[in-house]
Amino acid sequence: MTTDPIAEIDPIAQTVASLMPKAKAELSELVAFASVADPAQYPKSECEAAANWIADALRAEGFEDVELLDTPDGTQSVYGRLAGPEGAPTVLLYAHYDVQPPLDEAGWTSPPFTLTERDGRWYGRGTADCKGGVLMHLLALRALKAAGGVPVTVKVIAEGSEEQGGGGLERYAEQHPDLLTADAIVIGDTGNFRAGVPTVTATLRGMTMLAVRVDTLAGNLHSGQFGGAAPDALAALVRMLDSLRAEDGSTTIDGLAADEDWRGLTYEEADFRADAGVLDGVGLIGSGSVGDRIWARPAVTVLGIDCPPVVGATPSVQASARAVISLRVPPGQDADEARGLLAAHVRRHVPWGAKVEIEDMGQGQAFRADTSSAAYTAMADAMAVAYPGQEMQTAGQGGSIPLTSTLAGLYPDAEILLIGLSEPEARIHAVDESVDPQELRRLSVAEAHFLRRYAESRKA
């Protein structure tokens, strides 16, 4: 039991606090599944086991119509519905159970798929992104049941391929538009601006990815015999990639606007440097405020390059090279149009007449929430209870959650909120990902109070 004052005056907070040991044990079980949605890296059975765990947890809470949905990308999403009082609004709660691969397992301080407590945090892949989100939803619902009942009809959807960007759930939702319809949607996959600072995410950048292959020769050549005249595919690729940035590092793609300003919570440069782990003496790239650069403007990143590794490299002129390019697209820009501009830019900057092949690797649209909605008012009130003395902040997120835009398109009248456990110290997608259990506790309290307040607002 926590000694936080909120738990002494609020029955919901008391219940959540009492459930935290169980939540830790459950999250430990869920983290133990290596549910990377890529069978080339981990067995598909790991994802299937995680999906079944969530389905069983929903059934144990009285959910009806619990299903494992076979989505078009070959993965499974978990769906369940808990009926509320007659005439009550419907709220959809979202999380995903698939996770990023652990990267360098030897680099983890503790095993990535073993939840380990250290210095007050719980470490393990998926603790914050986003298996912890599953537990956040469960804790909120359990607290409401203990306090008299859940005042809304709840639908839960736990996606199985969000991290891989397979688009399976988006396409499934489009094919079954009645399944996820709701009055409000809580996406539990973002995070507070900083631990202890209650935050809703109002904007998400979209994303488009391309694989670019460059060919210049019939085969590799001896660099001493042919170098200096033979066109080097790797050098050609480097030139093409360099054209995507201005001298200051700003993204510069022909025809794509990159001058929008962020109007919202201020992200101080010193804080960003610390959060990002920027080395001393190394400057940030781009221009404008940090918020402009990571929330309001496009950003290109080279995700990977196929070329000879340093170890074992031979003195050869390379005949072929390949790269994957990601472009984050801010709200107000169409991801499909941005993809076309990116592809055209790459082709326009090919040197020496090199042969280029471009392959689409997926995309998702950006999102901007209506922060004036009744749901946002209810969440602000709820967060004031969970975080005494704190006012809810509104931030952007540079990342993408493709399903959000799909749901916004399918259900234009639904009020969509984004909250979650991925504050900067969580180090999601990196080695030693972790969750602050106090964030899990407080956000579960906030979500429970939100569901109450939202139900009351719909009666008014």
Protein backbone atom coordinates (compact mmCIF):
# COMPACT_ATOMS: atom_id res chain seq x y z
CA MET A 1 0.00 0.00 0.00
CA THR A 2 1.26 3.46 -0.90
CA THR A 3 1.28 6.31 1.61
CA ASP A 4 0.35 8.85 -1.06
CA PRO A 5 -2.26 11.27 0.40
CA ILE A 6 -4.58 10.67 -2.55
CA ALA A 7 -5.10 7.07 -1.42
CA GLU A 8 -6.22 8.29 1.99
CA ILE A 9 -9.12 10.34 0.66
CA ASP A 10 -10.19 8.63 -2.58
CA PRO A 11 -11.70 5.11 -2.52
CA ILE A 12 -10.73 4.47 -6.15
CA ALA A 13 -7.12 5.38 -5.41
CA GLN A 14 -7.21 3.13 -2.34
CA THR A 15 -8.37 0.21 -4.44
CA VAL A 16 -5.77 0.79 -7.15
CA ALA A 17 -3.03 1.02 -4.51
CA SER A 18 -4.14 -2.28 -2.99
CA LEU A 19 -4.08 -3.92 -6.42
CA MET A 20 -0.55 -2.87 -7.34
CA PRO A 21 1.15 -6.07 -6.10
CA LYS A 22 -1.22 -8.11 -8.26
CA ALA A 23 -0.60 -5.75 -11.16
CA LYS A 24 3.14 -6.25 -10.83
CA ALA A 25 2.73 -10.02 -10.87
CA GLU A 26 0.45 -9.85 -13.92
CA LEU A 27 2.72 -7.48 -15.80
CA SER A 28 5.60 -9.84 -15.03
CA GLU A 29 3.65 -12.67 -16.66
CA LEU A 30 2.81 -10.55 -19.70
CA VAL A 31 6.34 -9.22 -20.13
CA ALA A 32 7.66 -12.80 -20.11
CA PHE A 33 6.10 -13.38 -23.55
CA ALA A 34 8.59 -12.39 -26.26
CA SER A 35 5.71 -11.02 -28.32
CA VAL A 36 7.66 -9.44 -31.15
CA ALA A 37 5.32 -9.62 -34.15
CA ASP A 38 8.00 -10.86 -36.51
CA PRO A 39 8.28 -14.65 -36.85
CA ALA A 40 11.73 -14.22 -38.35
CA GLN A 41 12.93 -13.05 -34.92
CA TYR A 42 10.69 -14.82 -32.38
CA PRO A 43 8.18 -17.68 -32.63
CA LYS A 44 4.63 -16.65 -33.48
CA SER A 45 3.54 -18.72 -30.46
CA GLU A 46 4.90 -15.99 -28.17
CA CYS A 47 2.41 -13.47 -29.59
CA GLU A 48 -0.37 -16.05 -29.48
CA ALA A 49 0.36 -16.76 -25.81
CA ALA A 50 0.26 -13.05 -24.95
CA ALA A 51 -3.04 -12.63 -26.81
CA ASN A 52 -4.55 -15.56 -24.92
CA TRP A 53 -3.34 -14.12 -21.61
CA ILE A 54 -5.20 -10.88 -22.30
CA ALA A 55 -8.32 -12.72 -23.48
CA ASP A 56 -8.36 -14.74 -20.25
CA ALA A 57 -7.89 -11.57 -18.19
CA LEU A 58 -10.87 -9.93 -19.90
CA ARG A 59 -13.05 -12.98 -19.34
CA ALA A 60 -12.08 -12.97 -15.66
CA GLU A 61 -13.37 -9.39 -15.43
CA GLY A 62 -16.74 -10.36 -16.87
CA PHE A 63 -16.20 -9.26 -20.45
CA GLU A 64 -18.53 -10.74 -23.04
CA ASP A 65 -17.84 -11.46 -26.70
CA VAL A 66 -14.12 -11.91 -26.05
CA GLU A 67 -12.50 -12.80 -29.36
CA LEU A 68 -9.08 -13.26 -30.91
CA LEU A 69 -9.40 -11.39 -34.19
CA ASP A 70 -7.34 -12.77 -37.06
CA THR A 71 -6.23 -9.60 -38.82
CA PRO A 72 -5.06 -9.39 -42.46
CA ASP A 73 -1.36 -9.09 -41.58
CA GLY A 74 -1.38 -12.54 -39.98
CA THR A 75 -1.46 -11.37 -36.36
CA GLN A 76 -4.19 -11.42 -33.72
CA SER A 77 -5.87 -8.57 -31.87
CA VAL A 78 -7.86 -9.20 -28.69
CA TYR A 79 -11.38 -7.78 -28.41
CA GLY A 80 -13.86 -7.79 -25.56
CA ARG A 81 -17.00 -5.93 -24.50
CA LEU A 82 -18.27 -5.19 -20.98
CA ALA A 83 -21.87 -3.98 -20.92
CA GLY A 84 -22.63 -0.90 -18.84
CA PRO A 85 -25.92 0.55 -17.58
CA GLU A 86 -28.70 0.99 -20.10
CA GLY A 87 -28.25 4.18 -22.07
CA ALA A 88 -24.65 4.65 -20.93
CA PRO A 89 -22.05 5.82 -23.43
CA THR A 90 -19.51 3.43 -24.91
CA VAL A 91 -15.78 3.93 -24.37
CA LEU A 92 -13.14 2.02 -26.32
CA LEU A 93 -9.87 1.35 -24.47
CA TYR A 94 -6.84 0.59 -26.66
CA ALA A 95 -3.41 -0.88 -25.97
CA HIS A 96 -1.08 -3.21 -27.84
CA TYR A 97 0.68 -6.31 -26.59
CA ASP A 98 3.31 -6.71 -29.30
CA VAL A 99 6.68 -5.19 -28.50
CA GLN A 100 9.84 -3.97 -30.15
CA PRO A 101 12.68 -6.50 -30.31
CA PRO A 102 15.08 -6.09 -27.40
CA LEU A 103 17.98 -5.03 -29.66
CA ASP A 104 21.23 -5.92 -27.89
CA GLU A 105 20.09 -8.36 -25.20
CA ALA A 106 23.58 -8.37 -23.70
CA GLY A 107 23.26 -4.61 -23.27
CA TRP A 108 20.32 -4.92 -20.88
CA THR A 109 21.12 -4.63 -17.19
CA SER A 110 18.53 -7.36 -16.54
CA PRO A 111 16.94 -9.82 -19.01
CA PRO A 112 14.53 -7.99 -21.35
CA PHE A 113 11.68 -10.47 -20.91
CA THR A 114 11.99 -10.75 -17.14
CA LEU A 115 10.33 -7.97 -15.18
CA THR A 116 12.95 -6.71 -12.72
CA GLU A 117 12.52 -4.03 -10.06
CA ARG A 118 15.42 -1.66 -9.71
CA ASP A 119 15.64 1.80 -8.12
CA GLY A 120 11.86 2.03 -7.87
CA ARG A 121 11.17 1.20 -11.53
CA TRP A 122 10.05 -2.02 -13.24
CA TYR A 123 12.32 -3.00 -16.12
CA GLY A 124 11.47 -5.19 -19.11
CA ARG A 125 10.47 -4.96 -22.75
CA GLY A 126 6.87 -3.75 -22.99
CA THR A 127 6.57 -2.56 -19.38
CA ALA A 128 5.71 0.92 -20.66
CA ASP A 129 5.07 0.29 -24.36
CA CYS A 130 2.49 -1.04 -24.15
CA LYS A 131 1.81 -4.07 -21.94
CA GLY A 132 1.70 -1.65 -19.05
CA GLY A 133 -1.19 0.01 -20.88
CA VAL A 134 -3.13 -3.25 -20.73
CA LEU A 135 -2.66 -3.30 -16.95
CA MET A 136 -3.66 0.37 -16.70
CA HIS A 137 -7.01 -0.42 -18.28
CA LEU A 138 -7.54 -3.49 -16.08
CA LEU A 139 -6.69 -1.58 -12.89
CA ALA A 140 -9.10 1.23 -13.73
CA LEU A 141 -11.94 -1.19 -14.40
CA ARG A 142 -11.25 -3.23 -11.26
CA ALA A 143 -11.27 -0.08 -9.13
CA LEU A 144 -14.62 1.00 -10.58
CA LYS A 145 -16.15 -2.43 -10.02
CA ALA A 146 -15.04 -2.30 -6.38
CA ALA A 147 -16.56 1.18 -6.05
CA GLY A 148 -20.00 0.20 -7.28
CA GLY A 149 -19.69 -0.65 -10.94
CA VAL A 150 -18.40 0.48 -14.31
CA PRO A 151 -20.65 3.38 -15.42
CA VAL A 152 -20.08 3.00 -19.18
CA THR A 153 -20.08 0.22 -21.72
CA VAL A 154 -16.44 -0.67 -22.27
CA LYS A 155 -14.82 -2.15 -25.33
CA VAL A 156 -11.19 -3.21 -25.15
CA ILE A 157 -8.97 -3.77 -28.15
CA ALA A 158 -5.38 -4.99 -27.71
CA GLU A 159 -3.47 -4.87 -30.98
CA GLY A 160 -0.95 -7.50 -32.00
CA SER A 161 1.24 -5.73 -34.56
CA GLU A 162 1.43 -2.02 -33.73
CA GLU A 163 5.22 -2.00 -33.47
CA GLN A 164 5.73 -3.77 -36.79
CA GLY A 165 3.38 -1.42 -38.63
CA GLY A 166 1.64 -4.26 -40.42
CA GLY A 167 -1.68 -2.40 -40.56
CA GLY A 168 -3.65 -5.53 -39.73
CA LEU A 169 -5.97 -3.98 -37.17
CA GLU A 170 -6.54 -0.88 -39.29
CA ARG A 171 -7.70 -3.00 -42.21
CA TYR A 172 -9.76 -5.25 -39.94
CA ALA A 173 -11.52 -2.21 -38.47
CA GLU A 174 -12.25 -0.89 -41.94
CA GLN A 175 -13.74 -4.26 -42.91
CA HIS A 176 -15.81 -4.45 -39.67
CA PRO A 177 -16.71 -0.81 -38.97
CA ASP A 178 -19.36 -1.59 -36.35
CA LEU A 179 -16.99 -3.51 -34.08
CA LEU A 180 -15.03 -0.64 -32.52
CA THR A 181 -17.63 2.12 -32.67
CA ALA A 182 -17.63 4.19 -29.49
CA ASP A 183 -18.51 7.60 -28.10
CA ALA A 184 -15.02 8.09 -26.69
CA ILE A 185 -11.72 6.32 -27.32
CA VAL A 186 -8.79 6.20 -24.92
CA ILE A 187 -5.54 5.25 -26.65
CA GLY A 188 -3.26 4.04 -23.85
CA ASP A 189 -0.05 4.19 -25.87
CA THR A 190 1.54 7.60 -25.27
CA GLY A 191 2.82 9.08 -22.01
CA ASN A 192 3.21 12.02 -19.70
CA PHE A 193 5.52 14.82 -20.77
CA ARG A 194 7.50 13.95 -17.67
CA ALA A 195 6.82 11.59 -14.77
CA GLY A 196 4.40 13.29 -12.41
CA VAL A 197 3.14 15.77 -15.05
CA PRO A 198 -0.33 14.62 -16.22
CA THR A 199 -0.45 14.90 -19.98
CA VAL A 200 -2.72 14.14 -22.89
CA THR A 201 -1.24 13.87 -26.35
CA ALA A 202 -3.16 16.05 -28.78
CA THR A 203 -1.22 15.44 -31.98
CA LEU A 204 0.59 12.54 -33.60
CA ARG A 205 2.81 12.68 -36.64
CA GLY A 206 2.00 10.25 -39.39
CA MET A 207 4.65 8.16 -41.08
CA THR A 208 5.64 6.77 -44.43
CA MET A 209 8.51 4.36 -45.09
CA LEU A 210 10.36 3.52 -48.29
CA ALA A 211 13.00 0.94 -49.12
CA VAL A 212 15.45 2.32 -51.70
CA ARG A 213 17.78 0.07 -53.72
CA VAL A 214 20.60 1.43 -55.87
CA ASP A 215 22.39 -0.61 -58.55
CA THR A 216 25.34 0.60 -60.63
CA LEU A 217 27.36 -2.45 -61.68
CA ALA A 218 26.87 -6.05 -62.71
CA GLY A 219 28.92 -7.07 -59.69
CA ASN A 220 31.43 -5.81 -57.14
CA LEU A 221 34.81 -4.73 -58.52
CA HIS A 222 38.35 -4.44 -57.11
CA SER A 223 38.66 -0.87 -55.84
CA GLY A 224 42.30 -0.63 -56.88
CA GLN A 225 41.70 -1.79 -60.43
CA PHE A 226 38.39 -0.01 -61.07
CA GLY A 227 37.94 2.60 -58.30
CA GLY A 228 37.89 6.20 -59.51
CA ALA A 229 35.86 5.51 -62.63
CA ALA A 230 33.46 2.70 -61.73
CA PRO A 231 30.23 4.12 -60.21
CA ASP A 232 29.95 3.09 -56.55
CA ALA A 233 26.36 2.20 -55.55
CA LEU A 234 27.02 2.85 -51.86
CA ALA A 235 28.46 6.29 -52.61
CA ALA A 236 25.44 7.04 -54.80
CA LEU A 237 23.11 6.03 -51.99
CA VAL A 238 24.98 8.22 -49.49
CA ARG A 239 24.60 11.23 -51.80
CA MET A 240 20.89 10.58 -52.20
CA LEU A 241 20.36 10.28 -48.46
CA ASP A 242 22.38 13.42 -47.76
CA SER A 243 20.07 15.39 -50.07
CA LEU A 244 17.23 14.82 -47.58
CA ARG A 245 18.74 17.26 -45.07
CA ALA A 246 19.80 20.90 -45.16
CA GLU A 247 23.12 22.04 -43.76
CA ASP A 248 21.60 22.51 -40.28
CA GLY A 249 20.07 19.03 -40.35
CA SER A 250 16.53 20.18 -41.16
CA THR A 251 14.51 17.81 -43.29
CA THR A 252 14.34 19.15 -46.83
CA ILE A 253 12.20 17.27 -49.31
CA ASP A 254 11.30 19.00 -52.55
CA GLY A 255 7.73 20.34 -52.34
CA LEU A 256 7.13 19.36 -48.67
CA ALA A 257 6.43 22.24 -46.26
CA ALA A 258 8.62 22.26 -43.15
CA ASP A 259 7.88 25.59 -41.47
CA GLU A 260 4.94 24.95 -39.11
CA ASP A 261 5.13 26.18 -35.51
CA TRP A 262 4.11 24.27 -32.37
CA ARG A 263 1.64 26.09 -30.11
CA GLY A 264 1.40 24.24 -26.84
CA LEU A 265 3.53 22.93 -24.01
CA THR A 266 7.13 24.18 -24.22
CA TYR A 267 9.91 21.59 -24.43
CA GLU A 268 13.06 23.26 -23.16
CA GLU A 269 16.18 22.47 -25.19
CA ALA A 270 18.19 21.51 -22.10
CA ASP A 271 15.49 19.05 -21.06
CA PHE A 272 15.35 17.58 -24.54
CA ARG A 273 19.14 17.15 -24.62
CA ALA A 274 18.99 15.29 -21.32
CA ASP A 275 16.00 13.14 -22.36
CA ALA A 276 17.62 12.25 -25.69
CA GLY A 277 21.06 11.62 -24.20
CA VAL A 278 22.77 14.06 -26.59
CA LEU A 279 26.52 13.98 -26.03
CA ASP A 280 28.29 17.07 -24.73
CA GLY A 281 29.36 19.36 -27.53
CA VAL A 282 27.01 17.79 -30.09
CA GLY A 283 24.39 20.20 -31.41
CA LEU A 284 20.74 19.54 -32.10
CA ILE A 285 19.65 19.47 -35.71
CA GLY A 286 17.01 21.59 -37.40
CA SER A 287 15.65 25.04 -36.63
CA GLY A 288 12.84 26.51 -34.56
CA SER A 289 11.82 25.37 -31.11
CA VAL A 290 12.16 21.76 -30.01
CA GLY A 291 8.35 21.47 -30.21
CA ASP A 292 8.43 22.75 -33.79
CA ARG A 293 11.01 20.15 -34.76
CA ILE A 294 9.55 17.04 -33.13
CA TRP A 295 5.81 17.72 -33.15
CA ALA A 296 4.95 20.18 -35.95
CA ARG A 297 7.37 19.53 -38.80
CA PRO A 298 8.34 16.57 -40.99
CA ALA A 299 11.39 14.56 -39.98
CA VAL A 300 13.32 12.08 -42.11
CA THR A 301 15.39 9.25 -40.62
CA VAL A 302 17.53 6.60 -42.28
CA LEU A 303 16.49 3.47 -40.39
CA GLY A 304 18.98 1.05 -41.88
CA ILE A 305 21.45 0.47 -44.69
CA ASP A 306 22.43 -2.80 -46.37
CA CYS A 307 26.13 -2.60 -47.16
CA PRO A 308 29.27 -4.49 -46.17
CA PRO A 309 30.01 -4.35 -42.43
CA VAL A 310 33.36 -2.98 -41.31
CA VAL A 311 34.49 -6.37 -40.04
CA GLY A 312 35.22 -8.50 -43.08
CA ALA A 313 35.02 -5.66 -45.60
CA THR A 314 37.02 -6.14 -48.80
CA PRO A 315 38.59 -3.48 -51.08
CA SER A 316 35.64 -3.42 -53.45
CA VAL A 317 33.53 -0.93 -55.36
CA GLN A 318 29.98 -1.82 -54.38
CA ALA A 319 27.54 -2.79 -57.12
CA SER A 320 24.39 -2.48 -54.99
CA ALA A 321 23.24 -0.78 -51.79
CA ARG A 322 19.90 -0.48 -50.02
CA ALA A 323 18.36 1.71 -47.33
CA VAL A 324 15.07 2.09 -45.49
CA ILE A 325 13.91 5.69 -45.05
CA SER A 326 11.26 6.84 -42.59
CA LEU A 327 9.45 10.16 -42.93
CA ARG A 328 7.38 11.44 -40.00
CA VAL A 329 4.55 13.62 -41.25
CA PRO A 330 2.93 16.29 -39.03
CA PRO A 331 -0.81 16.97 -38.76
CA GLY A 332 -2.04 18.95 -41.74
CA GLN A 333 0.08 16.99 -44.23
CA ASP A 334 -1.23 13.93 -46.06
CA ALA A 335 1.01 10.89 -45.61
CA ASP A 336 0.28 9.55 -49.10
CA GLU A 337 1.16 12.88 -50.69
CA ALA A 338 4.32 13.05 -48.57
CA ARG A 339 5.27 9.55 -49.73
CA GLY A 340 4.99 10.67 -53.33
CA LEU A 341 7.13 13.75 -52.70
CA LEU A 342 9.75 11.68 -50.87
CA ALA A 343 9.96 9.13 -53.69
CA ALA A 344 10.15 11.88 -56.31
CA HIS A 345 12.90 13.65 -54.35
CA VAL A 346 14.97 10.48 -54.11
CA ARG A 347 14.67 9.85 -57.83
CA ARG A 348 15.54 13.48 -58.60
CA HIS A 349 18.77 13.25 -56.61
CA VAL A 350 20.15 10.02 -58.07
CA PRO A 351 23.73 10.64 -59.26
CA TRP A 352 25.49 9.18 -62.28
CA GLY A 353 22.36 7.67 -63.80
CA ALA A 354 22.32 4.91 -61.17
CA LYS A 355 19.39 2.49 -61.32
CA VAL A 356 16.92 2.92 -58.44
CA GLU A 357 14.06 0.78 -57.18
CA ILE A 358 11.66 2.14 -54.52
CA GLU A 359 9.37 -0.06 -52.45
CA ASP A 360 6.58 1.11 -50.13
CA MET A 361 7.06 -0.18 -46.58
CA GLY A 362 3.83 1.17 -45.06
CA GLN A 363 2.37 4.41 -43.88
CA GLY A 364 -0.11 5.99 -41.47
CA GLN A 365 -1.80 9.37 -41.32
CA ALA A 366 -1.17 12.07 -38.72
CA PHE A 367 -3.75 12.93 -36.07
CA ARG A 368 -4.98 16.06 -34.29
CA ALA A 369 -7.48 15.80 -31.41
CA ASP A 370 -10.34 18.13 -30.54
CA THR A 371 -9.16 19.35 -27.14
CA SER A 372 -12.38 21.29 -26.55
CA SER A 373 -14.51 18.13 -26.31
CA ALA A 374 -16.38 16.93 -23.24
CA ALA A 375 -14.01 13.99 -22.99
CA TYR A 376 -11.03 16.31 -22.56
CA THR A 377 -12.83 18.22 -19.83
CA ALA A 378 -13.60 14.95 -18.06
CA MET A 379 -9.99 13.81 -18.37
CA ALA A 380 -8.68 17.13 -17.02
CA ASP A 381 -10.93 16.75 -13.97
CA ALA A 382 -9.86 13.14 -13.52
CA MET A 383 -6.16 13.93 -13.73
CA ALA A 384 -6.59 16.68 -11.15
CA VAL A 385 -7.74 13.95 -8.74
CA ALA A 386 -4.94 11.53 -9.62
CA TYR A 387 -2.25 14.23 -9.59
CA PRO A 388 -3.23 16.65 -6.79
CA GLY A 389 -2.07 20.19 -7.43
CA GLN A 390 -1.23 19.47 -11.08
CA GLU A 391 -3.04 20.77 -14.14
CA MET A 392 -3.37 18.54 -17.19
CA GLN A 393 -0.92 19.49 -19.95
CA THR A 394 -1.38 19.07 -23.69
CA ALA A 395 1.60 17.89 -25.72
CA GLY A 396 2.36 16.48 -29.13
CA GLN A 397 4.15 13.28 -30.01
CA GLY A 398 6.56 12.83 -32.84
CA GLY A 399 5.74 9.15 -33.15
CA SER A 400 2.86 7.52 -34.99
CA ILE A 401 -0.04 5.32 -33.92
CA PRO A 402 -1.64 4.52 -37.29
CA LEU A 403 -4.83 3.08 -35.80
CA THR A 404 -5.68 6.47 -34.27
CA SER A 405 -6.23 8.10 -37.65
CA THR A 406 -8.13 5.05 -38.87
CA LEU A 407 -10.52 5.28 -35.92
CA ALA A 408 -10.89 9.03 -36.37
CA GLY A 409 -11.88 8.44 -39.99
CA LEU A 410 -14.29 5.61 -39.19
CA TYR A 411 -15.91 7.37 -36.22
CA PRO A 412 -15.69 11.14 -36.82
CA ASP A 413 -17.98 11.88 -33.86
CA ALA A 414 -15.89 9.89 -31.37
CA GLU A 415 -13.80 11.85 -28.89
CA ILE A 416 -10.24 10.49 -28.90
CA LEU A 417 -7.77 10.90 -26.05
CA LEU A 418 -4.19 9.65 -25.85
CA ILE A 419 -2.53 8.89 -22.52
CA GLY A 420 -0.06 6.30 -21.31
CA LEU A 421 3.09 5.28 -19.50
CA SER A 422 5.85 6.21 -21.96
CA GLU A 423 7.39 9.21 -20.19
CA PRO A 424 11.02 10.01 -21.12
CA GLU A 425 12.67 7.86 -18.45
CA ALA A 426 10.81 4.81 -19.77
CA ARG A 427 13.25 4.55 -22.70
CA ILE A 428 10.73 2.79 -24.92
CA HIS A 429 12.20 1.01 -27.97
CA ALA A 430 15.63 1.15 -26.32
CA VAL A 431 17.71 -1.07 -24.07
CA ASP A 432 16.51 -1.12 -20.43
CA GLU A 433 12.91 -0.04 -21.08
CA SER A 434 11.05 0.50 -17.81
CA VAL A 435 7.86 1.80 -16.25
CA ASP A 436 7.42 3.92 -13.15
CA PRO A 437 4.85 2.00 -11.05
CA GLN A 438 3.65 5.30 -9.57
CA GLU A 439 2.75 6.44 -13.07
CA LEU A 440 0.86 3.18 -13.62
CA ARG A 441 -0.99 3.69 -10.35
CA ARG A 442 -1.88 7.34 -10.91
CA LEU A 443 -2.92 6.93 -14.54
CA SER A 444 -5.13 3.98 -13.60
CA VAL A 445 -6.81 6.23 -11.01
CA ALA A 446 -7.16 8.96 -13.63
CA GLU A 447 -8.72 6.59 -16.16
CA ALA A 448 -11.21 5.29 -13.61
CA HIS A 449 -12.29 8.82 -12.67
CA PHE A 450 -12.43 9.75 -16.33
CA LEU A 451 -14.90 6.97 -17.05
CA ARG A 452 -17.08 8.19 -14.18
CA ARG A 453 -16.96 11.82 -15.21
CA TYR A 454 -17.51 11.06 -18.86
CA ALA A 455 -20.60 9.01 -18.02
CA GLU A 456 -21.92 11.89 -15.90
CA SER A 457 -21.26 14.43 -18.69
CA ARG A 458 -23.32 12.38 -21.12
CA LYS A 459 -26.29 12.45 -18.75
CA ALA A 460 -26.26 16.23 -18.52
